[in-house]
């Protein structure tokens, strides 16, 4: 069997609130993700799903434990290396979209390419092609406030894909959108996986979790199944 693309070993995350009140958001979590596979993380609210996703994506650092990408320990990487990891390896779809309100759909999608060697014309051409893929070409010049929830999510998906990442991390990607938009997101995820890429999706959606190759269930900060 080939080595996993992504691996977590005994991850824990704790916070101190109110002076000395310790909250254990994640406890001793270990998991693996193979290249080209889809992993669903399920569980009730407050179970640690989003905390685990943030640690795997390099958005936060564990209190203890390690995260390996292609055999490299990213949990011990400095901020510069973590930023490079996020720029080159992963795409992130947030539950609340996280679009820049003052930028158009096209500009939001092209934003991750600003740090590359591409010209503005090349960035916009690639962003426009992805907006066409997600059915948003006619809304390229619209600001986020002029879009519906489903349209904003499709722009967020296009932005996550624009730099051709190895892994997509998605946190409740269909929770704030209608069924038609959710079905389109599902189709995009299937296409992404069929291209040999990998997905980690946090979701309460049975449709999303059943589409995954592997599912892990979380409760009270622990992986229980």
Protein backbone atom coordinates (compact mmCIF):
# COMPACT_ATOMS: atom_id res chain seq x y z
CA UNK A 1 0.00 0.00 0.00
CA UNK A 2 1.29 3.46 -0.87
CA UNK A 3 2.14 5.97 1.84
CA UNK A 4 -0.74 8.31 2.76
CA UNK A 5 -0.82 11.78 1.25
CA UNK A 6 -1.86 13.27 4.59
CA UNK A 7 -1.47 11.77 8.03
CA UNK A 8 -2.33 12.98 11.54
CA UNK A 9 -0.76 11.36 14.59
CA UNK A 10 -2.23 11.85 18.06
CA UNK A 11 -3.45 15.40 17.48
CA UNK A 12 -4.77 17.33 20.46
CA UNK A 13 -5.83 20.95 20.80
CA UNK A 14 -6.60 22.75 24.06
CA UNK A 15 -7.57 26.33 24.89
CA UNK A 16 -7.49 28.19 28.18
CA UNK A 17 -10.58 30.31 28.81
CA UNK A 18 -11.42 32.61 31.68
CA UNK A 19 -7.98 32.52 33.26
CA UNK A 20 -7.54 28.84 34.09
CA UNK A 21 -10.50 27.00 32.53
CA UNK A 22 -9.08 24.52 30.03
CA UNK A 23 -11.16 23.41 27.05
CA UNK A 24 -10.09 20.27 25.16
CA UNK A 25 -11.32 20.86 21.61
CA UNK A 26 -9.55 17.80 20.20
CA UNK A 27 -8.12 14.73 21.92
CA UNK A 28 -5.59 12.25 20.51
CA UNK A 29 -6.92 12.20 16.92
CA UNK A 30 -5.14 10.06 14.32
CA UNK A 31 -6.19 9.58 10.68
CA UNK A 32 -4.86 9.07 7.15
CA UNK A 33 -5.84 10.31 3.70
CA UNK A 34 -4.75 8.49 0.56
CA UNK A 35 -4.07 10.27 -2.71
CA UNK A 36 -7.24 10.59 -4.78
CA UNK A 37 -9.63 9.79 -1.93
CA UNK A 38 -12.53 11.58 -0.26
CA UNK A 39 -12.75 11.69 3.53
CA UNK A 40 -15.87 12.90 5.37
CA UNK A 41 -15.68 14.11 8.97
CA UNK A 42 -19.05 13.91 10.73
CA UNK A 43 -20.41 14.46 14.21
CA UNK A 44 -22.58 16.82 16.25
CA UNK A 45 -21.81 20.51 16.70
CA UNK A 46 -18.93 21.04 19.12
CA UNK A 47 -17.47 17.58 18.52
CA UNK A 48 -14.13 18.88 17.18
CA UNK A 49 -14.72 18.53 13.43
CA UNK A 50 -13.72 22.06 12.46
CA UNK A 51 -10.79 22.02 14.87
CA UNK A 52 -9.42 18.87 13.24
CA UNK A 53 -9.93 20.37 9.78
CA UNK A 54 -8.07 23.56 10.74
CA UNK A 55 -5.10 21.57 12.07
CA UNK A 56 -4.93 19.37 8.97
CA UNK A 57 -5.09 22.44 6.71
CA UNK A 58 -2.32 24.24 8.57
CA UNK A 59 -4.66 27.03 9.70
CA UNK A 60 -3.89 26.28 13.35
CA UNK A 61 -1.20 24.46 15.31
CA UNK A 62 -1.83 21.47 17.58
CA UNK A 63 -1.15 21.53 21.30
CA UNK A 64 0.41 18.13 20.77
CA UNK A 65 0.71 15.62 17.94
CA UNK A 66 1.85 15.90 14.34
CA UNK A 67 0.52 16.39 10.80
CA UNK A 68 2.44 15.02 7.81
CA UNK A 69 1.90 15.97 4.17
CA UNK A 70 3.82 13.86 1.65
CA UNK A 71 6.00 12.74 4.56
CA UNK A 72 6.83 16.29 5.70
CA UNK A 73 5.89 17.33 9.24
CA UNK A 74 3.92 20.53 8.64
CA UNK A 75 2.89 20.88 12.29
CA UNK A 76 6.49 21.90 13.06
CA UNK A 77 6.88 24.19 10.05
CA UNK A 78 7.43 27.91 10.51
CA UNK A 79 4.89 30.46 9.33
CA UNK A 80 6.60 30.96 5.96
CA UNK A 81 6.59 27.23 5.18
CA UNK A 82 2.98 26.91 6.33
CA UNK A 83 1.95 29.76 4.05
CA UNK A 84 3.71 28.03 1.15
CA UNK A 85 1.95 24.76 2.00
CA UNK A 86 -1.42 26.47 1.90
CA UNK A 87 -0.56 28.32 -1.31
CA UNK A 88 0.79 25.32 -3.22
CA UNK A 89 -0.93 22.25 -1.83
CA UNK A 90 -4.40 23.00 -0.57
CA UNK A 91 -7.66 24.80 -1.33
CA UNK A 92 -10.06 25.77 1.45
CA UNK A 93 -13.82 26.26 1.25
CA UNK A 94 -15.16 28.01 4.34
CA UNK A 95 -18.69 27.69 5.70
CA UNK A 96 -19.18 31.47 5.58
CA UNK A 97 -17.54 31.86 2.14
CA UNK A 98 -14.84 34.35 3.30
CA UNK A 99 -15.05 36.39 0.10
CA UNK A 100 -13.64 39.92 -0.07
CA UNK A 101 -16.71 42.16 -0.10
CA UNK A 102 -15.05 44.92 -2.13
CA UNK A 103 -13.89 42.56 -4.90
CA UNK A 104 -15.88 41.13 -7.80
CA UNK A 105 -16.40 37.40 -8.27
CA UNK A 106 -13.58 37.36 -10.84
CA UNK A 107 -11.21 39.23 -8.54
CA UNK A 108 -12.04 36.98 -5.58
CA UNK A 109 -11.27 33.84 -7.60
CA UNK A 110 -8.05 35.31 -9.01
CA UNK A 111 -6.80 36.52 -5.61
CA UNK A 112 -4.77 33.37 -4.67
CA UNK A 113 -2.80 33.77 -7.92
CA UNK A 114 -1.50 37.25 -7.04
CA UNK A 115 1.58 35.73 -5.37
CA UNK A 116 2.45 33.68 -8.48
CA UNK A 117 4.44 34.72 -11.55
CA UNK A 118 1.27 34.96 -13.64
CA UNK A 119 0.33 38.29 -15.21
CA UNK A 120 -2.97 39.95 -14.33
CA UNK A 121 -4.33 38.92 -17.73
CA UNK A 122 -3.37 35.28 -17.11
CA UNK A 123 -4.85 35.33 -13.60
CA UNK A 124 -8.13 36.73 -14.83
CA UNK A 125 -8.30 34.28 -17.72
CA UNK A 126 -7.87 31.33 -15.36
CA UNK A 127 -10.39 32.76 -12.90
CA UNK A 128 -12.90 33.34 -15.69
CA UNK A 129 -12.52 29.74 -16.89
CA UNK A 130 -13.28 28.46 -13.40
CA UNK A 131 -16.27 30.74 -13.03
CA UNK A 132 -17.58 29.18 -16.22
CA UNK A 133 -16.99 25.73 -14.73
CA UNK A 134 -19.10 26.55 -11.68
CA UNK A 135 -21.80 28.29 -13.73
CA UNK A 136 -20.93 31.81 -12.59
CA UNK A 137 -19.44 33.35 -15.75
CA UNK A 138 -22.30 35.83 -16.09
CA UNK A 139 -21.77 37.00 -12.51
CA UNK A 140 -18.03 37.65 -12.86
CA UNK A 141 -18.33 41.40 -12.27
CA UNK A 142 -20.77 41.16 -9.35
CA UNK A 143 -19.78 41.87 -5.76
CA UNK A 144 -20.53 39.26 -3.05
CA UNK A 145 -23.45 41.32 -1.68
CA UNK A 146 -25.10 41.06 -5.11
CA UNK A 147 -25.00 37.25 -5.03
CA UNK A 148 -27.20 34.63 -3.38
CA UNK A 149 -25.75 32.22 -0.84
CA UNK A 150 -25.46 29.47 -3.44
CA UNK A 151 -23.74 31.81 -5.88
CA UNK A 152 -21.25 32.95 -3.25
CA UNK A 153 -20.46 29.34 -2.42
CA UNK A 154 -19.80 28.57 -6.07
CA UNK A 155 -17.39 31.52 -6.24
CA UNK A 156 -15.70 30.17 -3.10
CA UNK A 157 -15.35 26.73 -4.72
CA UNK A 158 -13.82 28.29 -7.84
CA UNK A 159 -11.36 30.23 -5.69
CA UNK A 160 -10.33 27.07 -3.85
CA UNK A 161 -9.60 25.33 -7.17
CA UNK A 162 -7.82 28.18 -8.96
CA UNK A 163 -4.26 27.16 -8.06
CA UNK A 164 -4.83 23.44 -8.78
CA UNK A 165 -4.40 22.16 -5.19
CA UNK A 166 -3.71 18.55 -4.21
CA UNK A 167 -6.31 18.61 -1.42
CA UNK A 168 -9.56 20.49 -0.96
CA UNK A 169 -10.65 21.15 2.64
CA UNK A 170 -14.32 22.08 2.96
CA UNK A 171 -16.10 23.09 6.17
CA UNK A 172 -19.88 22.58 5.86
CA UNK A 173 -19.82 23.57 2.16
CA UNK A 174 -23.56 23.05 1.60
CA UNK A 175 -25.04 24.14 4.93
CA UNK A 176 -26.06 27.66 3.82
CA UNK A 177 -27.18 26.98 0.24
CA UNK A 178 -30.21 25.54 -1.53
CA UNK A 179 -30.44 21.99 -2.88
CA UNK A 180 -29.72 22.96 -6.49
CA UNK A 181 -26.49 24.71 -5.48
CA UNK A 182 -25.62 21.81 -3.15
CA UNK A 183 -26.00 19.34 -6.02
CA UNK A 184 -23.65 21.43 -8.15
CA UNK A 185 -21.06 21.49 -5.35
CA UNK A 186 -21.36 17.70 -5.12
CA UNK A 187 -20.76 17.37 -8.86
CA UNK A 188 -17.70 19.62 -8.63
CA UNK A 189 -16.31 17.53 -5.77
CA UNK A 190 -16.77 14.34 -7.78
CA UNK A 191 -14.98 15.89 -10.77
CA UNK A 192 -12.15 17.06 -8.53
CA UNK A 193 -11.72 13.56 -7.10
CA UNK A 194 -11.90 11.92 -10.53
CA UNK A 195 -8.95 14.07 -11.58
CA UNK A 196 -6.84 12.30 -8.95
CA UNK A 197 -7.13 14.93 -6.24
CA UNK A 198 -8.18 14.46 -2.61
CA UNK A 199 -10.97 15.89 -0.45
CA UNK A 200 -11.57 16.33 3.27
CA UNK A 201 -15.11 17.52 3.97
CA UNK A 202 -16.70 18.41 7.31
CA UNK A 203 -20.46 18.15 6.97
CA UNK A 204 -23.77 17.29 8.60
CA UNK A 205 -25.06 16.43 5.12
CA UNK A 206 -25.82 12.73 4.69
CA UNK A 207 -25.51 13.19 0.92
CA UNK A 208 -21.95 14.51 1.23
CA UNK A 209 -20.82 11.98 3.82
CA UNK A 210 -22.21 8.99 1.92
CA UNK A 211 -20.36 10.11 -1.22
CA UNK A 212 -17.02 9.84 0.58
CA UNK A 213 -14.67 6.87 0.36
CA UNK A 214 -14.03 7.02 4.11
CA UNK A 215 -15.95 8.52 7.02
CA UNK A 216 -14.84 9.31 10.53
CA UNK A 217 -17.30 10.11 13.32
CA UNK A 218 -16.37 12.52 16.09
CA UNK A 219 -17.78 13.08 19.56
CA UNK A 220 -16.53 15.34 22.37
CA UNK A 221 -13.22 16.00 20.62
CA UNK A 222 -12.45 12.37 19.82
CA UNK A 223 -12.62 10.18 16.73
CA UNK A 224 -14.97 7.42 17.85
CA UNK A 225 -15.53 5.53 14.58
